[in-house]
């Protein structure tokens, strides 16, 4: 996926989730061991969102590409975010995947609580 395509997927995901009452905190949060595409909130729940888009499923569906290694990076990065943003420490947290599958006519699969930490 090119940078432009990745940006378009994240922009689509942001709009999709905002239309469902999630509010953006930050985009593309980086730390030494990983990145989280979108950090959003719904009431007092932090939502760490991994955006995946695939134009073919040769290597798995978009959601299947969030393997164990990627999940561990997301968890580590979320902990990093919480460490440096103490105002959110007492909030509930969850990890969601927003999977866009171009092979199925641009279908969207929003998987809430996709990763357990």
N, C-alpha and C. Protein backbone atom coordinates (compact mmCIF):
# COMPACT_ATOMS: atom_id res chain seq x y z
N UNK A 1 0.85 -1.16 0.00
CA UNK A 1 0.00 0.00 0.00
C UNK A 1 0.90 1.23 0.00
N UNK A 2 0.65 2.14 -0.88
CA UNK A 2 1.46 3.36 -0.94
C UNK A 2 1.09 4.28 0.21
N UNK A 3 1.95 5.25 0.46
CA UNK A 3 1.69 6.22 1.52
C UNK A 3 0.38 6.95 1.26
N UNK A 4 0.15 7.30 -0.01
CA UNK A 4 -1.07 8.00 -0.37
C UNK A 4 -2.30 7.13 -0.09
N UNK A 5 -2.24 5.86 -0.47
CA UNK A 5 -3.35 4.94 -0.23
C UNK A 5 -3.56 4.75 1.27
N UNK A 6 -2.47 4.64 2.01
CA UNK A 6 -2.57 4.51 3.47
C UNK A 6 -3.21 5.72 4.09
N UNK A 7 -2.82 6.90 3.63
CA UNK A 7 -3.42 8.13 4.14
C UNK A 7 -4.91 8.19 3.82
N UNK A 8 -5.27 7.77 2.60
CA UNK A 8 -6.68 7.76 2.20
C UNK A 8 -7.48 6.80 3.07
N UNK A 9 -6.90 5.64 3.37
CA UNK A 9 -7.58 4.65 4.21
C UNK A 9 -7.79 5.22 5.62
N UNK A 10 -6.77 5.88 6.16
CA UNK A 10 -6.89 6.46 7.50
C UNK A 10 -7.91 7.60 7.51
N UNK A 11 -7.94 8.40 6.45
CA UNK A 11 -8.91 9.48 6.36
C UNK A 11 -10.33 8.92 6.30
N UNK A 12 -10.51 7.86 5.50
CA UNK A 12 -11.81 7.20 5.42
C UNK A 12 -12.21 6.66 6.79
N UNK A 13 -11.28 5.99 7.46
CA UNK A 13 -11.56 5.40 8.78
C UNK A 13 -11.93 6.48 9.78
N UNK A 14 -11.20 7.58 9.77
CA UNK A 14 -11.50 8.68 10.69
C UNK A 14 -12.92 9.19 10.47
N UNK A 15 -13.27 9.45 9.23
CA UNK A 15 -14.63 9.94 8.92
C UNK A 15 -15.69 8.92 9.31
N UNK A 16 -15.41 7.65 9.02
CA UNK A 16 -16.35 6.56 9.33
C UNK A 16 -16.60 6.50 10.84
N UNK A 17 -15.54 6.57 11.63
CA UNK A 17 -15.69 6.46 13.09
C UNK A 17 -16.27 7.72 13.70
N UNK A 18 -15.92 8.88 13.17
CA UNK A 18 -16.51 10.12 13.68
C UNK A 18 -18.02 10.15 13.43
N UNK A 19 -18.45 9.58 12.31
CA UNK A 19 -19.89 9.51 12.02
C UNK A 19 -20.61 8.59 13.00
N UNK A 20 -19.84 7.77 13.72
CA UNK A 20 -20.40 6.86 14.71
C UNK A 20 -20.06 7.32 16.13
N UNK A 21 -19.86 8.61 16.27
CA UNK A 21 -19.70 9.31 17.55
C UNK A 21 -18.39 9.08 18.28
N UNK A 22 -17.35 8.61 17.61
CA UNK A 22 -16.03 8.59 18.22
C UNK A 22 -15.37 9.93 17.92
N UNK A 23 -14.53 10.38 18.83
CA UNK A 23 -13.85 11.67 18.68
C UNK A 23 -12.35 11.45 18.64
N UNK A 24 -11.69 12.17 17.75
CA UNK A 24 -10.25 12.02 17.56
C UNK A 24 -9.47 12.67 18.69
N UNK A 25 -8.45 11.95 19.17
CA UNK A 25 -7.46 12.51 20.09
C UNK A 25 -6.19 12.81 19.30
N UNK A 26 -5.68 11.82 18.56
CA UNK A 26 -4.49 12.04 17.74
C UNK A 26 -4.42 11.00 16.63
N UNK A 27 -3.63 11.33 15.60
CA UNK A 27 -3.39 10.42 14.48
C UNK A 27 -1.93 10.04 14.46
N UNK A 28 -1.66 8.84 13.98
CA UNK A 28 -0.28 8.37 13.74
C UNK A 28 0.63 8.59 14.94
N UNK A 29 0.21 8.08 16.10
CA UNK A 29 1.01 8.20 17.31
C UNK A 29 2.19 7.23 17.21
N UNK A 30 3.39 7.77 17.30
CA UNK A 30 4.62 6.97 17.18
C UNK A 30 5.35 6.87 18.50
N UNK A 31 6.00 5.74 18.69
CA UNK A 31 6.97 5.57 19.76
C UNK A 31 8.07 4.67 19.18
N UNK A 32 9.14 4.43 19.92
CA UNK A 32 10.25 3.67 19.34
C UNK A 32 9.88 2.28 18.78
N UNK A 33 8.84 1.64 19.32
CA UNK A 33 8.54 0.28 18.86
C UNK A 33 7.26 0.14 18.07
N UNK A 34 6.61 1.25 17.72
CA UNK A 34 5.39 1.08 16.97
C UNK A 34 4.65 2.37 16.68
N UNK A 35 3.49 2.19 16.06
CA UNK A 35 2.63 3.31 15.70
C UNK A 35 1.18 2.87 15.80
N UNK A 36 0.33 3.80 16.21
CA UNK A 36 -1.11 3.57 16.23
C UNK A 36 -1.72 4.58 15.26
N UNK A 37 -2.54 4.07 14.34
CA UNK A 37 -3.09 4.93 13.29
C UNK A 37 -3.97 6.03 13.86
N UNK A 38 -4.94 5.65 14.68
CA UNK A 38 -5.87 6.62 15.25
C UNK A 38 -6.06 6.33 16.73
N UNK A 39 -6.05 7.37 17.53
CA UNK A 39 -6.43 7.24 18.93
C UNK A 39 -7.65 8.13 19.10
N UNK A 40 -8.75 7.50 19.49
CA UNK A 40 -10.03 8.19 19.58
C UNK A 40 -10.65 7.92 20.94
N UNK A 41 -11.79 8.53 21.19
CA UNK A 41 -12.49 8.22 22.42
C UNK A 41 -13.99 8.23 22.21
N UNK A 42 -14.64 7.45 23.03
CA UNK A 42 -16.09 7.41 23.11
C UNK A 42 -16.41 7.50 24.59
N UNK A 43 -16.98 8.62 24.99
CA UNK A 43 -17.17 8.92 26.41
C UNK A 43 -15.81 8.82 27.11
N UNK A 44 -15.69 7.96 28.11
CA UNK A 44 -14.42 7.82 28.83
C UNK A 44 -13.72 6.51 28.47
N UNK A 45 -13.85 6.10 27.22
CA UNK A 45 -13.14 4.93 26.71
C UNK A 45 -12.19 5.36 25.61
N UNK A 46 -10.90 5.06 25.80
CA UNK A 46 -9.91 5.29 24.75
C UNK A 46 -10.03 4.17 23.73
N UNK A 47 -9.98 4.52 22.47
CA UNK A 47 -10.08 3.53 21.40
C UNK A 47 -8.83 3.67 20.53
N UNK A 48 -7.98 2.64 20.57
CA UNK A 48 -6.78 2.59 19.75
C UNK A 48 -7.17 1.84 18.47
N UNK A 49 -7.06 2.52 17.33
CA UNK A 49 -7.58 1.97 16.08
C UNK A 49 -6.45 1.65 15.12
N UNK A 50 -6.42 0.41 14.65
CA UNK A 50 -5.52 -0.01 13.57
C UNK A 50 -6.35 -0.05 12.29
N UNK A 51 -5.90 0.69 11.28
CA UNK A 51 -6.61 0.75 10.00
C UNK A 51 -5.89 -0.17 9.02
N UNK A 52 -6.65 -1.04 8.37
CA UNK A 52 -6.08 -1.95 7.39
C UNK A 52 -6.90 -1.90 6.11
N UNK A 53 -6.21 -1.82 4.99
CA UNK A 53 -6.87 -1.86 3.69
C UNK A 53 -6.09 -2.83 2.80
N UNK A 54 -6.81 -3.63 2.07
CA UNK A 54 -6.19 -4.55 1.12
C UNK A 54 -6.94 -4.50 -0.19
N UNK A 55 -6.17 -4.52 -1.27
CA UNK A 55 -6.78 -4.57 -2.60
C UNK A 55 -6.81 -6.00 -3.12
N UNK A 56 -6.08 -6.91 -2.44
CA UNK A 56 -6.20 -8.34 -2.73
C UNK A 56 -5.94 -9.09 -1.43
N UNK A 57 -6.45 -10.29 -1.36
CA UNK A 57 -6.35 -11.07 -0.12
C UNK A 57 -5.33 -12.21 -0.23
N UNK A 58 -4.35 -12.02 -1.10
CA UNK A 58 -3.32 -13.04 -1.30
C UNK A 58 -2.63 -13.42 0.01
N UNK A 59 -2.43 -12.43 0.88
CA UNK A 59 -1.74 -12.67 2.14
C UNK A 59 -2.68 -12.57 3.34
N UNK A 60 -3.96 -12.73 3.10
CA UNK A 60 -4.94 -12.69 4.17
C UNK A 60 -5.86 -11.48 4.04
N UNK A 61 -6.97 -11.55 4.73
CA UNK A 61 -7.91 -10.43 4.74
C UNK A 61 -7.27 -9.29 5.53
N UNK A 62 -7.80 -8.08 5.40
CA UNK A 62 -7.21 -6.98 6.14
C UNK A 62 -7.10 -7.24 7.64
N UNK A 63 -8.15 -7.76 8.24
CA UNK A 63 -8.12 -8.02 9.69
C UNK A 63 -7.11 -9.11 10.05
N UNK A 64 -6.96 -10.11 9.18
CA UNK A 64 -6.01 -11.20 9.46
C UNK A 64 -4.56 -10.74 9.46
N UNK A 65 -4.28 -9.60 8.85
CA UNK A 65 -2.91 -9.11 8.82
C UNK A 65 -2.47 -8.49 10.14
N UNK A 66 -3.40 -8.32 11.07
CA UNK A 66 -3.03 -7.83 12.40
C UNK A 66 -2.67 -9.06 13.24
N UNK A 67 -1.47 -9.56 12.99
CA UNK A 67 -1.01 -10.79 13.62
C UNK A 67 -0.52 -10.54 15.05
N UNK A 68 -0.04 -11.59 15.68
CA UNK A 68 0.40 -11.50 17.07
C UNK A 68 1.49 -10.44 17.24
N UNK A 69 2.44 -10.42 16.34
CA UNK A 69 3.54 -9.45 16.44
C UNK A 69 3.01 -8.01 16.35
N UNK A 70 2.11 -7.76 15.41
CA UNK A 70 1.53 -6.43 15.27
C UNK A 70 0.70 -6.08 16.50
N UNK A 71 -0.02 -7.05 17.05
CA UNK A 71 -0.81 -6.81 18.25
C UNK A 71 0.09 -6.38 19.41
N UNK A 72 1.23 -7.05 19.56
CA UNK A 72 2.15 -6.70 20.64
C UNK A 72 2.71 -5.29 20.47
N UNK A 73 2.98 -4.89 19.24
CA UNK A 73 3.44 -3.53 18.98
C UNK A 73 2.37 -2.51 19.33
N UNK A 74 1.13 -2.81 18.99
CA UNK A 74 0.02 -1.91 19.32
C UNK A 74 -0.14 -1.77 20.83
N UNK A 75 -0.06 -2.87 21.54
CA UNK A 75 -0.19 -2.84 23.01
C UNK A 75 0.94 -2.02 23.62
N UNK A 76 2.16 -2.25 23.16
CA UNK A 76 3.30 -1.50 23.68
C UNK A 76 3.12 0.00 23.40
N UNK A 77 2.69 0.34 22.20
CA UNK A 77 2.53 1.74 21.82
C UNK A 77 1.41 2.39 22.62
N UNK A 78 0.35 1.66 22.88
CA UNK A 78 -0.75 2.19 23.71
C UNK A 78 -0.25 2.45 25.13
N UNK A 79 0.54 1.55 25.67
CA UNK A 79 1.10 1.77 27.01
C UNK A 79 2.00 3.00 27.03
N UNK A 80 2.77 3.18 25.96
CA UNK A 80 3.62 4.36 25.83
C UNK A 80 2.77 5.63 25.84
N UNK A 81 1.69 5.61 25.05
CA UNK A 81 0.79 6.76 25.01
C UNK A 81 0.24 7.07 26.40
N UNK A 82 -0.20 6.06 27.11
CA UNK A 82 -0.76 6.27 28.45
C UNK A 82 0.29 6.80 29.42
N UNK A 83 1.51 6.34 29.29
CA UNK A 83 2.59 6.80 30.16
C UNK A 83 2.82 8.30 29.97
N UNK A 84 2.74 8.78 28.75
CA UNK A 84 3.02 10.18 28.46
C UNK A 84 1.77 11.06 28.39
N UNK A 85 0.63 10.48 28.64
CA UNK A 85 -0.64 11.21 28.67
C UNK A 85 -1.44 10.79 29.90
N UNK A 86 -0.97 11.17 31.08
CA UNK A 86 -1.57 10.67 32.32
C UNK A 86 -3.04 11.05 32.51
N UNK A 87 -3.53 12.03 31.78
CA UNK A 87 -4.94 12.40 31.92
C UNK A 87 -5.89 11.28 31.48
N UNK A 88 -5.36 10.29 30.75
CA UNK A 88 -6.19 9.17 30.29
C UNK A 88 -5.98 7.88 31.08
N UNK A 89 -5.13 7.90 32.07
CA UNK A 89 -4.77 6.66 32.77
C UNK A 89 -5.94 5.91 33.40
N UNK A 90 -6.96 6.61 33.82
CA UNK A 90 -8.08 5.94 34.48
C UNK A 90 -9.24 5.65 33.54
N UNK A 91 -9.02 5.88 32.26
CA UNK A 91 -10.06 5.58 31.28
C UNK A 91 -10.01 4.11 30.88
N UNK A 92 -11.14 3.58 30.50
CA UNK A 92 -11.16 2.24 29.91
C UNK A 92 -10.48 2.32 28.55
N UNK A 93 -9.91 1.21 28.11
CA UNK A 93 -9.22 1.18 26.81
C UNK A 93 -9.68 -0.03 26.01
N UNK A 94 -9.66 0.13 24.70
CA UNK A 94 -9.92 -1.00 23.82
C UNK A 94 -9.15 -0.80 22.53
N UNK A 95 -8.95 -1.91 21.82
CA UNK A 95 -8.27 -1.91 20.53
C UNK A 95 -9.27 -2.34 19.47
N UNK A 96 -9.43 -1.50 18.47
CA UNK A 96 -10.34 -1.81 17.36
C UNK A 96 -9.53 -1.92 16.07
N UNK A 97 -10.08 -2.67 15.14
CA UNK A 97 -9.52 -2.75 13.79
C UNK A 97 -10.61 -2.27 12.84
N UNK A 98 -10.24 -1.36 11.96
CA UNK A 98 -11.14 -0.97 10.89
C UNK A 98 -10.54 -1.52 9.60
N UNK A 99 -11.17 -2.56 9.08
CA UNK A 99 -10.65 -3.27 7.91
C UNK A 99 -11.47 -2.93 6.67
N UNK A 100 -10.79 -2.40 5.67
CA UNK A 100 -11.42 -2.06 4.39
C UNK A 100 -10.94 -3.07 3.36
N UNK A 101 -11.87 -3.76 2.73
CA UNK A 101 -11.53 -4.82 1.79
C UNK A 101 -12.02 -4.44 0.40
N UNK A 102 -11.08 -4.05 -0.46
CA UNK A 102 -11.44 -3.65 -1.83
C UNK A 102 -11.89 -4.85 -2.66
N UNK A 103 -11.49 -6.06 -2.28
CA UNK A 103 -11.89 -7.24 -3.06
C UNK A 103 -13.37 -7.54 -2.87
N UNK A 104 -13.98 -6.98 -1.84
CA UNK A 104 -15.40 -7.19 -1.58
C UNK A 104 -16.19 -5.91 -1.83
N UNK A 105 -15.75 -5.14 -2.82
CA UNK A 105 -16.47 -3.92 -3.17
C UNK A 105 -16.36 -2.84 -2.11
N UNK A 106 -15.16 -2.67 -1.57
CA UNK A 106 -14.91 -1.65 -0.55
C UNK A 106 -15.71 -1.88 0.72
N UNK A 107 -15.88 -3.12 1.11
CA UNK A 107 -16.61 -3.41 2.35
C UNK A 107 -15.79 -2.94 3.55
N UNK A 108 -16.49 -2.59 4.62
CA UNK A 108 -15.86 -2.12 5.84
C UNK A 108 -16.26 -3.05 6.97
N UNK A 109 -15.26 -3.48 7.72
CA UNK A 109 -15.49 -4.34 8.87
C UNK A 109 -14.87 -3.65 10.08
N UNK A 110 -15.71 -3.15 10.99
CA UNK A 110 -15.25 -2.49 12.20
C UNK A 110 -15.29 -3.52 13.32
N UNK A 111 -14.14 -3.95 13.75
CA UNK A 111 -14.03 -4.97 14.80
C UNK A 111 -13.66 -4.28 16.10
N UNK A 112 -14.60 -4.23 17.02
CA UNK A 112 -14.35 -3.62 18.33
C UNK A 112 -13.76 -4.67 19.26
N UNK A 113 -12.95 -4.22 20.20
CA UNK A 113 -12.29 -5.13 21.16
C UNK A 113 -11.57 -6.25 20.44
N UNK A 114 -10.84 -5.92 19.40
CA UNK A 114 -10.19 -6.92 18.55
C UNK A 114 -8.97 -7.55 19.22
N UNK A 115 -8.37 -6.85 20.16
CA UNK A 115 -7.13 -7.31 20.80
C UNK A 115 -7.32 -7.22 22.31
N UNK A 116 -6.91 -8.27 22.99
CA UNK A 116 -6.93 -8.23 24.45
C UNK A 116 -5.52 -8.01 24.94
N UNK A 117 -5.38 -7.06 25.87
CA UNK A 117 -4.02 -6.77 26.36
C UNK A 117 -3.80 -7.43 27.66
